[in-house]
PDB file of N, CA and C in Angstrom:
ATOM      1  N   MET A   1       0.513  -1.237  -0.022  1.00  0.00           N
ATOM      2  CA  MET A   1      -0.265  -0.144   0.309  1.00  0.00           C
ATOM      3  C   MET A   1       0.830   1.317   0.143  1.00  0.00           C
ATOM      4  N   MET A   2      -0.092   2.443  -0.636  1.00  0.00           N
ATOM      5  CA  MET A   2       1.260   4.021  -0.706  1.00  0.00           C
ATOM      6  C   MET A   2       0.233   4.875  -0.184  1.00  0.00           C
ATOM      7  N   PHE A   3       0.730   5.895   0.663  1.00  0.00           N
ATOM      8  CA  PHE A   3       0.117   6.757   0.867  1.00  0.00           C
ATOM      9  C   PHE A   3       0.368   8.118   0.512  1.00  0.00           C
ATOM     10  N   LEU A   4       0.370   9.507   0.872  1.00  0.00           N
ATOM     11  CA  LEU A   4       0.990  10.689   0.656  1.00  0.00           C
ATOM     12  C   LEU A   4       0.544  11.028   2.026  1.00  0.00           C
ATOM     13  N   SER A   5       1.982  12.242   2.120  1.00  0.00           N
ATOM     14  CA  SER A   5       1.973  12.546   3.424  1.00  0.00           C
ATOM     15  C   SER A   5       2.657  14.265   3.284  1.00  0.00           C
ATOM     16  N   THR A   6       3.044  14.718   3.940  1.00  0.00           N
ATOM     17  CA  THR A   6       3.433  16.458   3.783  1.00  0.00           C
ATOM     18  C   THR A   6       4.567  16.132   4.573  1.00  0.00           C
ATOM     19  N   ARG A   7       4.921  15.011   5.259  1.00  0.00           N
ATOM     20  CA  ARG A   7       6.431  14.608   6.334  1.00  0.00           C
ATOM     21  C   ARG A   7       6.463  13.466   5.648  1.00  0.00           C
ATOM     22  N   PRO A   8       8.269  13.246   5.637  1.00  0.00           N
ATOM     23  CA  PRO A   8       8.260  12.039   5.209  1.00  0.00           C
ATOM     24  C   PRO A   8       8.590  11.152   6.471  1.00  0.00           C
ATOM     25  N   ILE A   9       8.277   9.866   6.576  1.00  0.00           N
ATOM     26  CA  ILE A   9       8.358   8.849   7.741  1.00  0.00           C
ATOM     27  C   ILE A   9       9.232   7.315   7.473  1.00  0.00           C
ATOM     28  N   GLN A  10      10.113   7.732   8.230  1.00  0.00           N
ATOM     29  CA  GLN A  10      11.074   6.504   8.394  1.00  0.00           C
ATOM     30  C   GLN A  10      11.124   5.197   8.212  1.00  0.00           C
ATOM     31  N   GLU A  11      12.096   4.909   7.483  1.00  0.00           N
ATOM     32  CA  GLU A  11      11.711   3.471   6.589  1.00  0.00           C
ATOM     33  C   GLU A  11      12.018   2.899   8.124  1.00  0.00           C
ATOM     34  N   GLY A  12      11.297   1.427   8.403  1.00  0.00           N
ATOM     35  CA  GLY A  12      11.519   1.117   9.356  1.00  0.00           C
ATOM     36  C   GLY A  12      10.017   1.417  10.293  1.00  0.00           C
ATOM     37  N   THR A  13       9.827   2.009  10.418  1.00  0.00           N
ATOM     38  CA  THR A  13       8.616   2.650  11.301  1.00  0.00           C
ATOM     39  C   THR A  13       7.135   1.742  11.003  1.00  0.00           C
ATOM     40  N   HIS A  14       6.570   1.445  12.348  1.00  0.00           N
ATOM     41  CA  HIS A  14       5.572   0.826  12.408  1.00  0.00           C
ATOM     42  C   HIS A  14       4.475   1.875  12.816  1.00  0.00           C
ATOM     43  N   LEU A  15       3.531   1.193  11.739  1.00  0.00           N
ATOM     44  CA  LEU A  15       2.317   2.212  11.821  1.00  0.00           C
ATOM     45  C   LEU A  15       0.851   2.065  12.065  1.00  0.00           C
ATOM     46  N   GLU A  16       0.373   1.888  13.062  1.00  0.00           N
ATOM     47  CA  GLU A  16      -1.051   1.844  13.251  1.00  0.00           C
ATOM     48  C   GLU A  16      -2.124   2.173  12.304  1.00  0.00           C
ATOM     49  N   PHE A  17      -3.361   1.837  11.481  1.00  0.00           N
ATOM     50  CA  PHE A  17      -3.976   2.366  11.052  1.00  0.00           C
ATOM     51  C   PHE A  17      -5.835   1.865  11.392  1.00  0.00           C
ATOM     52  N   ARG A  18      -6.719   2.905  11.192  1.00  0.00           N
ATOM     53  CA  ARG A  18      -7.893   2.694  11.129  1.00  0.00           C
ATOM     54  C   ARG A  18      -8.835   3.488  10.088  1.00  0.00           C
ATOM     55  N   LEU A  19      -9.370   2.853   9.034  1.00  0.00           N
ATOM     56  CA  LEU A  19      -9.938   3.327   8.126  1.00  0.00           C
ATOM     57  C   LEU A  19     -11.642   3.203   7.759  1.00  0.00           C
ATOM     58  N   PHE A  20     -12.238   3.731   6.984  1.00  0.00           N
ATOM     59  CA  PHE A  20     -13.459   3.313   7.100  1.00  0.00           C
ATOM     60  C   PHE A  20     -13.719   3.296   6.151  1.00  0.00           C
ATOM     61  N   LEU A  21     -14.461   1.988   5.475  1.00  0.00           N
ATOM     62  CA  LEU A  21     -14.393   1.881   3.585  1.00  0.00           C
ATOM     63  C   LEU A  21     -15.631   1.236   3.913  1.00  0.00           C
ATOM     64  N   LYS A  22     -16.731   1.791   3.188  1.00  0.00           N
ATOM     65  CA  LYS A  22     -18.268   1.392   2.998  1.00  0.00           C
ATOM     66  C   LYS A  22     -18.703   1.248   4.097  1.00  0.00           C
ATOM     67  N   GLU A  23     -18.373   2.197   5.184  1.00  0.00           N
ATOM     68  CA  GLU A  23     -18.631   2.419   6.624  1.00  0.00           C
ATOM     69  C   GLU A  23     -18.694   1.323   7.067  1.00  0.00           C
ATOM     70  N   ARG A  24     -17.352   0.397   7.037  1.00  0.00           N
ATOM     71  CA  ARG A  24     -16.486  -0.435   7.995  1.00  0.00           C
ATOM     72  C   ARG A  24     -15.647  -0.185   8.245  1.00  0.00           C
ATOM     73  N   PRO A  25     -15.208  -0.315   9.639  1.00  0.00           N
ATOM     74  CA  PRO A  25     -13.328  -0.008   9.939  1.00  0.00           C
ATOM     75  C   PRO A  25     -12.709  -0.839   9.370  1.00  0.00           C
ATOM     76  N   ILE A  26     -11.680  -0.566   8.893  1.00  0.00           N
ATOM     77  CA  ILE A  26     -10.691  -1.518   8.993  1.00  0.00           C
ATOM     78  C   ILE A  26      -9.251  -1.248   9.639  1.00  0.00           C
ATOM     79  N   GLN A  27      -8.752  -2.420  10.411  1.00  0.00           N
ATOM     80  CA  GLN A  27      -7.689  -2.102  11.258  1.00  0.00           C
ATOM     81  C   GLN A  27      -6.365  -2.603  10.762  1.00  0.00           C
ATOM     82  N   PHE A  28      -5.384  -2.138  11.154  1.00  0.00           N
ATOM     83  CA  PHE A  28      -4.221  -3.183  10.776  1.00  0.00           C
ATOM     84  C   PHE A  28      -2.816  -2.492  11.004  1.00  0.00           C
ATOM     85  N   THR A  29      -1.965  -3.003  10.988  1.00  0.00           N
ATOM     86  CA  THR A  29      -0.660  -2.499  11.448  1.00  0.00           C
ATOM     87  C   THR A  29       0.275  -2.597  10.109  1.00  0.00           C
ATOM     88  N   ALA A  30       1.165  -1.626   9.944  1.00  0.00           N
ATOM     89  CA  ALA A  30       2.211  -1.722   8.675  1.00  0.00           C
ATOM     90  C   ALA A  30       3.816  -0.791   9.183  1.00  0.00           C
ATOM     91  N   GLN A  31       4.588  -1.634   7.860  1.00  0.00           N
ATOM     92  CA  GLN A  31       6.105  -1.122   8.466  1.00  0.00           C
ATOM     93  C   GLN A  31       6.246  -0.363   7.050  1.00  0.00           C
ATOM     94  N   VAL A  32       7.358   0.692   7.281  1.00  0.00           N
ATOM     95  CA  VAL A  32       7.196   1.409   6.131  1.00  0.00           C
ATOM     96  C   VAL A  32       8.138   1.183   5.903  1.00  0.00           C
ATOM     97  N   VAL A  33       8.168   0.734   3.905  1.00  0.00           N
ATOM     98  CA  VAL A  33       9.625  -0.092   3.384  1.00  0.00           C
ATOM     99  C   VAL A  33      10.710   1.186   2.659  1.00  0.00           C
ATOM    100  N   TRP A  34       9.551   2.049   2.319  1.00  0.00           N
ATOM    101  CA  TRP A  34      10.100   3.537   1.686  1.00  0.00           C
ATOM    102  C   TRP A  34       9.722   5.018   1.463  1.00  0.00           C
ATOM    103  N   THR A  35      10.300   5.389   1.568  1.00  0.00           N
ATOM    104  CA  THR A  35       9.724   6.890   1.346  1.00  0.00           C
ATOM    105  C   THR A  35      10.254   7.422   0.562  1.00  0.00           C
ATOM    106  N   LYS A  36       9.157   8.750  -0.571  1.00  0.00           N
ATOM    107  CA  LYS A  36      10.019   9.165  -1.423  1.00  0.00           C
ATOM    108  C   LYS A  36       9.369  10.496  -1.859  1.00  0.00           C
ATOM    109  N   GLU A  37      10.342  11.792  -1.861  1.00  0.00           N
ATOM    110  CA  GLU A  37       9.591  12.867  -2.528  1.00  0.00           C
ATOM    111  C   GLU A  37       8.906  12.916  -3.686  1.00  0.00           C
ATOM    112  N   GLN A  38       8.251  13.506  -3.591  1.00  0.00           N
ATOM    113  CA  GLN A  38       7.364  13.396  -4.973  1.00  0.00           C
ATOM    114  C   GLN A  38       6.678  15.034  -4.966  1.00  0.00           C
ATOM    115  N   PRO A  39       6.947  15.160  -6.767  1.00  0.00           N
ATOM    116  CA  PRO A  39       6.605  16.776  -7.160  1.00  0.00           C
ATOM    117  C   PRO A  39       5.312  17.108  -6.564  1.00  0.00           C
ATOM    118  N   ASN A  40       4.882  18.628  -6.115  1.00  0.00           N
ATOM    119  CA  ASN A  40       3.877  19.268  -5.633  1.00  0.00           C
ATOM    120  C   ASN A  40       3.497  20.186  -6.069  1.00  0.00           C
ATOM    121  N   LEU A  41       3.190  20.166  -7.537  1.00  0.00           N
ATOM    122  CA  LEU A  41       2.873  21.752  -8.181  1.00  0.00           C
ATOM    123  C   LEU A  41       1.859  22.521  -7.589  1.00  0.00           C
ATOM    124  N   ASP A  42       1.058  21.873  -6.704  1.00  0.00           N
ATOM    125  CA  ASP A  42      -0.363  23.009  -5.790  1.00  0.00           C
ATOM    126  C   ASP A  42       0.318  23.732  -4.600  1.00  0.00           C
ATOM    127  N   ARG A  43       1.665  23.455  -3.945  1.00  0.00           N
ATOM    128  CA  ARG A  43       1.983  23.758  -3.162  1.00  0.00           C
ATOM    129  C   ARG A  43       3.045  23.995  -2.894  1.00  0.00           C
ATOM    130  N   ARG A  44       3.335  24.937  -1.704  1.00  0.00           N
ATOM    131  CA  ARG A  44       4.970  25.013  -1.533  1.00  0.00           C
ATOM    132  C   ARG A  44       5.305  23.549  -0.762  1.00  0.00           C
ATOM    133  N   GLU A  45       5.148  23.120  -0.034  1.00  0.00           N
ATOM    134  CA  GLU A  45       5.622  22.290   0.952  1.00  0.00           C
ATOM    135  C   GLU A  45       5.791  20.882   0.059  1.00  0.00           C
ATOM    136  N   PRO A  46       6.602  20.361   0.956  1.00  0.00           N
ATOM    137  CA  PRO A  46       7.122  18.695  -0.354  1.00  0.00           C
ATOM    138  C   PRO A  46       5.745  17.939   0.460  1.00  0.00           C
ATOM    139  N   VAL A  47       5.792  17.300  -1.197  1.00  0.00           N
ATOM    140  CA  VAL A  47       4.859  15.809  -0.601  1.00  0.00           C
ATOM    141  C   VAL A  47       5.759  14.450  -0.521  1.00  0.00           C
ATOM    142  N   TYR A  48       5.347  13.291   0.255  1.00  0.00           N
ATOM    143  CA  TYR A  48       5.932  12.689   0.017  1.00  0.00           C
ATOM    144  C   TYR A  48       5.092  11.135  -0.274  1.00  0.00           C
ATOM    145  N   ALA A  49       5.674   9.890  -0.973  1.00  0.00           N
ATOM    146  CA  ALA A  49       5.134   9.180  -1.297  1.00  0.00           C
ATOM    147  C   ALA A  49       5.640   8.013  -0.296  1.00  0.00           C
ATOM    148  N   THR A  50       4.905   7.132   0.335  1.00  0.00           N
ATOM    149  CA  THR A  50       5.142   6.229   1.338  1.00  0.00           C
ATOM    150  C   THR A  50       4.743   4.694   1.318  1.00  0.00           C
ATOM    151  N   GLY A  51       5.450   3.986   1.015  1.00  0.00           N
ATOM    152  CA  GLY A  51       5.291   2.703   0.422  1.00  0.00           C
ATOM    153  C   GLY A  51       5.149   1.578   2.210  1.00  0.00           C
ATOM    154  N   LEU A  52       4.055   0.992   2.235  1.00  0.00           N
ATOM    155  CA  LEU A  52       3.982   0.007   3.215  1.00  0.00           C
ATOM    156  C   LEU A  52       3.966  -1.305   3.051  1.00  0.00           C
ATOM    157  N   ARG A  53       4.337  -1.907   4.246  1.00  0.00           N
ATOM    158  CA  ARG A  53       3.905  -3.664   4.134  1.00  0.00           C
ATOM    159  C   ARG A  53       3.474  -4.176   5.046  1.00  0.00           C
ATOM    160  N   PHE A  54       2.444  -4.854   5.030  1.00  0.00           N
ATOM    161  CA  PHE A  54       1.257  -4.792   5.989  1.00  0.00           C
ATOM    162  C   PHE A  54       1.918  -5.929   6.881  1.00  0.00           C
ATOM    163  N   ASN A  55       1.889  -5.404   8.218  1.00  0.00           N
ATOM    164  CA  ASN A  55       2.071  -6.848   9.142  1.00  0.00           C
ATOM    165  C   ASN A  55       0.713  -7.982   9.627  1.00  0.00           C
ATOM    166  N   VAL A  56      -0.117  -6.753   9.839  1.00  0.00           N
ATOM    167  CA  VAL A  56      -1.046  -7.430  10.878  1.00  0.00           C
ATOM    168  C   VAL A  56      -2.376  -6.713   9.967  1.00  0.00           C
ATOM    169  N   ILE A  57      -3.423  -7.797   9.226  1.00  0.00           N
ATOM    170  CA  ILE A  57      -4.569  -7.487   8.636  1.00  0.00           C
ATOM    171  C   ILE A  57      -5.214  -8.976   8.331  1.00  0.00           C
ATOM    172  N   THR A  58      -6.160  -8.630   8.160  1.00  0.00           N
ATOM    173  CA  THR A  58      -7.555 -10.046   8.176  1.00  0.00           C
ATOM    174  C   THR A  58      -7.387 -10.106   6.162  1.00  0.00           C
ATOM    175  N   GLN A  59      -7.292 -11.267   5.395  1.00  0.00           N
ATOM    176  CA  GLN A  59      -7.722 -11.487   4.331  1.00  0.00           C
ATOM    177  C   GLN A  59      -8.980 -10.810   4.232  1.00  0.00           C
ATOM    178  N   GLU A  60     -10.172 -10.678   4.689  1.00  0.00           N
ATOM    179  CA  GLU A  60     -11.319  -9.942   4.189  1.00  0.00           C
ATOM    180  C   GLU A  60     -11.125  -8.583   4.057  1.00  0.00           C
ATOM    181  N   ASP A  61     -10.147  -7.711   5.105  1.00  0.00           N
ATOM    182  CA  ASP A  61      -9.501  -6.576   5.108  1.00  0.00           C
ATOM    183  C   ASP A  61      -9.023  -6.524   4.168  1.00  0.00           C
ATOM    184  N   ILE A  62      -8.184  -6.929   3.236  1.00  0.00           N
ATOM    185  CA  ILE A  62      -7.169  -7.106   2.279  1.00  0.00           C
ATOM    186  C   ILE A  62      -8.436  -7.110   0.971  1.00  0.00           C
ATOM    187  N   THR A  63      -9.425  -8.136   1.188  1.00  0.00           N
ATOM    188  CA  THR A  63     -10.172  -7.603  -0.252  1.00  0.00           C
ATOM    189  C   THR A  63     -11.095  -6.593  -0.496  1.00  0.00           C
ATOM    190  N   LEU A  64     -11.593  -6.049   0.925  1.00  0.00           N
ATOM    191  CA  LEU A  64     -12.245  -4.610   0.561  1.00  0.00           C
ATOM    192  C   LEU A  64     -11.292  -3.155   0.253  1.00  0.00           C
ATOM    193  N   LEU A  65      -9.875  -3.425   0.968  1.00  0.00           N
ATOM    194  CA  LEU A  65      -9.157  -2.728   0.568  1.00  0.00           C
ATOM    195  C   LEU A  65      -9.142  -2.784  -1.010  1.00  0.00           C
ATOM    196  N   LEU A  66      -8.796  -4.013  -1.977  1.00  0.00           N
ATOM    197  CA  LEU A  66      -8.401  -3.923  -2.766  1.00  0.00           C
ATOM    198  C   LEU A  66      -9.731  -3.659  -3.894  1.00  0.00           C
ATOM    199  N   MET A  67     -10.936  -3.847  -3.345  1.00  0.00           N
ATOM    200  CA  MET A  67     -12.571  -3.415  -3.998  1.00  0.00           C
ATOM    201  C   MET A  67     -12.948  -1.979  -4.179  1.00  0.00           C
ATOM    202  N   SER A  68     -12.178  -1.076  -2.995  1.00  0.00           N
ATOM    203  CA  SER A  68     -12.065  -0.029  -3.159  1.00  0.00           C
ATOM    204  C   SER A  68     -11.746   1.212  -3.959  1.00  0.00           C
TER     205      SER A  68
END
């Protein structure tokens, strides 16, 4: 999974997420495996793409994420 942030997040950082998809909460933990600065033409501050590797997530939640 990848998301955008206004701050870089150090590789190896463990994160906990709670997302609401189709009015259902999805909770998972993931580890940052890469962070890369992206061009940001709309703002002055940089934007960082951050790649994650799931640590704890159910197969049902993975399916929901893929279908969203």
